[in-house]
Amino acid sequence: MQDDKKWYTISEAAKYLGVSPDTLRRWEKAGKISAPKRTAGGARRYSKELLDEILGEGKEEKISQPKKKAQAPAKKTSFLIGLIVLIITLAILLPILFFLF
C-alpha cells in the first residue's frame, strides 16, 4: 500500500522550520524531536504533521529565548553609554579645571 503523505527531505524540512539541517540533526540526536522516517538508503524524511508538531512545540521556546538574549546586550549597551558619557565629561571638565588652577 502506497503512502500518500508528502514527505520532506531534511533540507526542505529545515527551510520549512526556519532552521539549518544540522539543527534538525542535533535536535533528533538530543531527543528533542521524534525521529523522522528513513529511506532505504538512510536519508531522513519528515512528514508535514511532524514538522507542524515541531513548530507547535517550538513556539514557547522561540518566544522565551529572545527575552534572555536581549537582556545581556542591554547591560553591555548601558555600560558603554555610561562609559562614553564619563569620557566626554572628563574631556570637557579636565581642560576647564586645568585652566582654572
C-alpha atoms as a PDB file:
ATOM      1  CA  MET A   1       0.000   0.000   0.000  1.00  0.00           C
ATOM      2  CA  GLN A   2       1.383   3.395  -1.013  1.00  0.00           C
ATOM      3  CA  ASP A   3       1.804   6.228   1.490  1.00  0.00           C
ATOM      4  CA  ASP A   4       0.018   9.319   0.097  1.00  0.00           C
ATOM      5  CA  LYS A   5       1.645  11.735   2.575  1.00  0.00           C
ATOM      6  CA  LYS A   6       4.016  14.405   1.361  1.00  0.00           C
ATOM      7  CA  TRP A   7       7.490  13.698   2.719  1.00  0.00           C
ATOM      8  CA  TYR A   8      10.115  16.420   3.006  1.00  0.00           C
ATOM      9  CA  THR A   9      13.882  15.997   2.716  1.00  0.00           C
ATOM     10  CA  ILE A  10      15.984  17.338   5.578  1.00  0.00           C
ATOM     11  CA  SER A  11      16.791  20.472   3.552  1.00  0.00           C
ATOM     12  CA  GLU A  12      13.124  21.096   2.740  1.00  0.00           C
ATOM     13  CA  ALA A  13      12.119  20.449   6.366  1.00  0.00           C
ATOM     14  CA  ALA A  14      14.819  22.793   7.660  1.00  0.00           C
ATOM     15  CA  LYS A  15      13.676  25.526   5.301  1.00  0.00           C
ATOM     16  CA  TYR A  16      10.053  24.987   6.364  1.00  0.00           C
ATOM     17  CA  LEU A  17      11.030  25.319  10.043  1.00  0.00           C
ATOM     18  CA  GLY A  18      13.475  28.184   9.505  1.00  0.00           C
ATOM     19  CA  VAL A  19      16.488  26.289  10.881  1.00  0.00           C
ATOM     20  CA  SER A  20      19.519  24.584   9.379  1.00  0.00           C
ATOM     21  CA  PRO A  21      19.654  20.875   8.508  1.00  0.00           C
ATOM     22  CA  ASP A  22      22.372  20.497  11.160  1.00  0.00           C
ATOM     23  CA  THR A  23      19.957  21.864  13.764  1.00  0.00           C
ATOM     24  CA  LEU A  24      17.418  19.181  12.849  1.00  0.00           C
ATOM     25  CA  ARG A  25      20.108  16.513  13.206  1.00  0.00           C
ATOM     26  CA  ARG A  26      21.140  17.874  16.616  1.00  0.00           C
ATOM     27  CA  TRP A  27      17.518  18.020  17.818  1.00  0.00           C
ATOM     28  CA  GLU A  28      16.995  14.424  16.731  1.00  0.00           C
ATOM     29  CA  LYS A  29      20.217  13.261  18.407  1.00  0.00           C
ATOM     30  CA  ALA A  30      19.308  15.086  21.631  1.00  0.00           C
ATOM     31  CA  GLY A  31      15.805  13.585  21.608  1.00  0.00           C
ATOM     32  CA  LYS A  32      14.118  16.992  21.309  1.00  0.00           C
ATOM     33  CA  ILE A  33      12.112  15.794  18.294  1.00  0.00           C
ATOM     34  CA  SER A  34      10.835  12.383  17.321  1.00  0.00           C
ATOM     35  CA  ALA A  35      12.897  10.546  14.753  1.00  0.00           C
ATOM     36  CA  PRO A  36      11.827  11.087  11.157  1.00  0.00           C
ATOM     37  CA  LYS A  37      11.111   8.276   8.731  1.00  0.00           C
ATOM     38  CA  ARG A  38      14.202   6.879   6.966  1.00  0.00           C
ATOM     39  CA  THR A  39      14.509   5.816   3.350  1.00  0.00           C
ATOM     40  CA  ALA A  40      16.146   2.507   2.410  1.00  0.00           C
ATOM     41  CA  GLY A  41      19.384   4.445   1.963  1.00  0.00           C
ATOM     42  CA  GLY A  42      19.096   6.036   5.423  1.00  0.00           C
ATOM     43  CA  ALA A  43      18.057   9.539   4.334  1.00  0.00           C
ATOM     44  CA  ARG A  44      15.663  11.347   6.661  1.00  0.00           C
ATOM     45  CA  ARG A  45      12.120  12.146   5.519  1.00  0.00           C
ATOM     46  CA  TYR A  46       9.816  14.405   7.515  1.00  0.00           C
ATOM     47  CA  SER A  47       6.024  14.442   7.296  1.00  0.00           C
ATOM     48  CA  LYS A  48       4.132  17.728   7.377  1.00  0.00           C
ATOM     49  CA  GLU A  49       2.454  16.557  10.588  1.00  0.00           C
ATOM     50  CA  LEU A  50       5.848  16.061  12.263  1.00  0.00           C
ATOM     51  CA  LEU A  51       7.047  19.472  11.080  1.00  0.00           C
ATOM     52  CA  ASP A  52       3.880  21.160  12.352  1.00  0.00           C
ATOM     53  CA  GLU A  53       4.309  19.333  15.668  1.00  0.00           C
ATOM     54  CA  ILE A  54       7.884  20.641  15.902  1.00  0.00           C
ATOM     55  CA  LEU A  55       6.680  24.167  15.117  1.00  0.00           C
ATOM     56  CA  GLY A  56       3.979  23.903  17.788  1.00  0.00           C
ATOM     57  CA  GLU A  57       6.459  22.732  20.439  1.00  0.00           C
ATOM     58  CA  GLY A  58       8.987  25.399  19.491  1.00  0.00           C
ATOM     59  CA  LYS A  59       6.648  28.379  19.809  1.00  0.00           C
ATOM     60  CA  GLU A  60       7.095  28.744  23.559  1.00  0.00           C
ATOM     61  CA  GLU A  61      10.853  28.218  23.305  1.00  0.00           C
ATOM     62  CA  LYS A  62      11.255  30.738  20.471  1.00  0.00           C
ATOM     63  CA  ILE A  63       9.250  33.347  22.371  1.00  0.00           C
ATOM     64  CA  SER A  64      11.185  32.970  25.618  1.00  0.00           C
ATOM     65  CA  GLN A  65      14.698  32.826  24.148  1.00  0.00           C
ATOM     66  CA  PRO A  66      14.859  36.334  22.649  1.00  0.00           C
ATOM     67  CA  LYS A  67      13.990  37.856  26.027  1.00  0.00           C
ATOM     68  CA  LYS A  68      17.023  36.201  27.603  1.00  0.00           C
ATOM     69  CA  LYS A  69      19.293  37.207  24.739  1.00  0.00           C
ATOM     70  CA  ALA A  70      18.014  40.785  24.757  1.00  0.00           C
ATOM     71  CA  GLN A  71      18.911  41.299  28.424  1.00  0.00           C
ATOM     72  CA  ALA A  72      22.657  40.722  28.053  1.00  0.00           C
ATOM     73  CA  PRO A  73      23.236  43.243  25.230  1.00  0.00           C
ATOM     74  CA  ALA A  74      21.122  45.827  27.066  1.00  0.00           C
ATOM     75  CA  LYS A  75      23.504  45.638  30.028  1.00  0.00           C
ATOM     76  CA  LYS A  76      26.504  45.988  27.744  1.00  0.00           C
ATOM     77  CA  THR A  77      24.874  48.884  25.909  1.00  0.00           C
ATOM     78  CA  SER A  78      24.062  50.787  29.096  1.00  0.00           C
ATOM     79  CA  PHE A  79      27.613  50.220  30.357  1.00  0.00           C
ATOM     80  CA  LEU A  80      29.063  51.541  27.101  1.00  0.00           C
ATOM     81  CA  ILE A  81      26.787  54.572  27.154  1.00  0.00           C
ATOM     82  CA  GLY A  82      27.849  55.346  30.728  1.00  0.00           C
ATOM     83  CA  LEU A  83      31.499  54.976  29.788  1.00  0.00           C
ATOM     84  CA  ILE A  84      31.112  57.298  26.800  1.00  0.00           C
ATOM     85  CA  VAL A  85      29.322  59.903  28.922  1.00  0.00           C
ATOM     86  CA  LEU A  86      32.134  59.708  31.514  1.00  0.00           C
ATOM     87  CA  ILE A  87      34.832  60.165  28.868  1.00  0.00           C
ATOM     88  CA  ILE A  88      33.042  63.135  27.303  1.00  0.00           C
ATOM     89  CA  THR A  89      32.502  64.719  30.713  1.00  0.00           C
ATOM     90  CA  LEU A  90      36.165  64.314  31.606  1.00  0.00           C
ATOM     91  CA  ALA A  91      37.225  65.664  28.213  1.00  0.00           C
ATOM     92  CA  ILE A  92      35.195  68.810  28.888  1.00  0.00           C
ATOM     93  CA  LEU A  93      35.946  69.278  32.592  1.00  0.00           C
ATOM     94  CA  LEU A  94      39.679  68.476  32.718  1.00  0.00           C
ATOM     95  CA  PRO A  95      40.763  71.361  30.446  1.00  0.00           C
ATOM     96  CA  ILE A  96      38.497  73.751  32.390  1.00  0.00           C
ATOM     97  CA  LEU A  97      39.907  72.587  35.730  1.00  0.00           C
ATOM     98  CA  PHE A  98      43.466  72.767  34.376  1.00  0.00           C
ATOM     99  CA  PHE A  99      42.874  76.320  33.172  1.00  0.00           C
ATOM    100  CA  LEU A 100      41.333  77.437  36.491  1.00  0.00           C
ATOM    101  CA  PHE A 101      44.140  76.028  38.662  1.00  0.00           C
END
